[in-house]
């Protein structure tokens, strides 16, 4: 077995995630357009990765956003075995409460991974 190091251009601060495919999806309840100051919104973010188990998936970044209180739940980890191999998932759910009126922008979610294909 010949083991090679991580590629030199892979970000040093990113977790090592070699996988065949990766997808991220999100859902809201209620929709963000219906947000009211002081009322809770629920955001679900689902990360699915072919080739890794749910326990190998890192937490998604949750940066502080001015004017928004965040209350994250414990992540839900799951594994699914298929004919093509393992699919791991990590679902992160959080309550978001706007503290001020106006536009609040959440930063983009970015996940660095190594495509093994």
Protein backbone atom coordinates (compact mmCIF):
# COMPACT_ATOMS: atom_id res chain seq x y z
CA UNK A 1 0.00 0.00 0.00
CA UNK A 2 1.47 3.32 -1.09
CA UNK A 3 0.17 6.15 1.12
CA UNK A 4 0.57 9.65 -0.24
CA UNK A 5 0.36 12.87 1.81
CA UNK A 6 -2.44 15.40 1.54
CA UNK A 7 -2.10 17.55 -1.57
CA UNK A 8 -0.04 20.68 -0.96
CA UNK A 9 -2.90 22.94 -2.08
CA UNK A 10 -5.42 21.46 0.40
CA UNK A 11 -6.19 24.11 3.08
CA UNK A 12 -4.21 23.44 6.25
CA UNK A 13 -7.06 24.42 8.59
CA UNK A 14 -9.72 22.25 6.85
CA UNK A 15 -10.58 18.73 8.06
CA UNK A 16 -9.43 15.96 5.72
CA UNK A 17 -12.55 14.62 3.97
CA UNK A 18 -11.82 12.24 1.08
CA UNK A 19 -15.15 11.29 -0.52
CA UNK A 20 -16.80 10.31 -3.81
CA UNK A 21 -19.53 12.97 -3.56
CA UNK A 22 -20.81 15.63 -1.18
CA UNK A 23 -24.10 17.52 -0.98
CA UNK A 24 -25.47 20.21 1.31
CA UNK A 25 -29.14 21.12 1.60
CA UNK A 26 -31.08 23.36 3.92
CA UNK A 27 -34.68 23.89 4.93
CA UNK A 28 -36.39 26.57 7.01
CA UNK A 29 -39.47 26.78 9.20
CA UNK A 30 -41.00 29.31 8.73
CA UNK A 31 -39.37 30.70 5.59
CA UNK A 32 -36.80 33.48 6.26
CA UNK A 33 -38.95 36.03 4.40
CA UNK A 34 -41.52 35.68 7.21
CA UNK A 35 -39.04 36.47 10.01
CA UNK A 36 -40.13 38.80 12.80
CA UNK A 37 -37.95 40.44 15.47
CA UNK A 38 -37.87 38.20 18.55
CA UNK A 39 -39.54 35.22 16.85
CA UNK A 40 -37.68 31.97 16.26
CA UNK A 41 -36.83 30.50 12.86
CA UNK A 42 -35.61 26.92 12.56
CA UNK A 43 -32.84 26.15 10.08
CA UNK A 44 -31.93 22.56 9.17
CA UNK A 45 -28.72 21.92 7.25
CA UNK A 46 -28.05 18.41 5.95
CA UNK A 47 -24.56 17.34 4.86
CA UNK A 48 -24.40 13.99 2.96
CA UNK A 49 -21.10 12.43 1.96
CA UNK A 50 -20.44 9.30 -0.08
CA UNK A 51 -17.52 7.34 1.35
CA UNK A 52 -17.46 8.56 4.97
CA UNK A 53 -19.52 7.72 8.04
CA UNK A 54 -21.58 10.34 9.86
CA UNK A 55 -19.10 10.34 12.75
CA UNK A 56 -16.31 11.38 10.36
CA UNK A 57 -18.13 14.52 9.22
CA UNK A 58 -16.95 17.74 10.88
CA UNK A 59 -19.29 20.32 12.42
CA UNK A 60 -20.44 22.97 9.99
CA UNK A 61 -19.12 26.47 10.69
CA UNK A 62 -21.52 28.65 12.70
CA UNK A 63 -20.01 32.13 12.71
CA UNK A 64 -21.55 34.84 14.88
CA UNK A 65 -23.87 37.16 12.98
CA UNK A 66 -24.64 40.61 14.37
CA UNK A 67 -28.32 41.03 15.20
CA UNK A 68 -29.02 37.30 15.40
CA UNK A 69 -29.10 34.92 18.37
CA UNK A 70 -28.36 31.26 17.62
CA UNK A 71 -29.43 28.19 19.57
CA UNK A 72 -27.94 25.05 17.99
CA UNK A 73 -29.29 21.55 18.74
CA UNK A 74 -27.16 18.42 18.96
CA UNK A 75 -26.30 17.17 15.45
CA UNK A 76 -27.99 14.03 14.14
CA UNK A 77 -25.50 11.58 12.60
CA UNK A 78 -26.52 8.67 10.40
CA UNK A 79 -25.05 6.06 8.06
CA UNK A 80 -26.59 4.31 5.08
CA UNK A 81 -25.03 1.29 3.38
CA UNK A 82 -25.58 1.00 -0.37
CA UNK A 83 -24.19 -1.20 -3.13
CA UNK A 84 -21.74 1.61 -3.93
CA UNK A 85 -20.55 1.93 -0.32
CA UNK A 86 -21.23 4.03 2.76
CA UNK A 87 -23.14 7.33 2.81
CA UNK A 88 -22.74 9.34 5.99
CA UNK A 89 -24.92 12.27 6.96
CA UNK A 90 -24.82 15.04 9.51
CA UNK A 91 -27.92 17.10 10.15
CA UNK A 92 -27.50 20.31 12.08
CA UNK A 93 -30.55 22.15 13.35
CA UNK A 94 -30.60 25.54 15.02
CA UNK A 95 -33.09 28.12 16.17
CA UNK A 96 -32.33 31.63 14.94
CA UNK A 97 -33.89 34.67 16.62
CA UNK A 98 -33.51 38.05 14.92
CA UNK A 99 -32.82 40.85 17.43
CA UNK A 100 -33.27 43.76 15.03
CA UNK A 101 -35.32 44.73 12.01
CA UNK A 102 -33.71 44.98 8.59
CA UNK A 103 -31.67 42.70 6.39
CA UNK A 104 -29.51 40.09 8.13
CA UNK A 105 -27.20 38.12 5.89
CA UNK A 106 -25.85 34.71 6.85
CA UNK A 107 -22.41 33.86 5.51
CA UNK A 108 -22.20 31.14 2.87
CA UNK A 109 -21.61 27.59 4.10
CA UNK A 110 -18.44 26.19 2.60
CA UNK A 111 -17.16 22.66 3.08
CA UNK A 112 -13.73 21.72 1.78
CA UNK A 113 -13.42 18.08 0.68
CA UNK A 114 -11.19 15.90 -1.46
CA UNK A 115 -12.97 14.36 -4.44
CA UNK A 116 -11.62 10.81 -4.72
CA UNK A 117 -13.02 10.45 -8.23
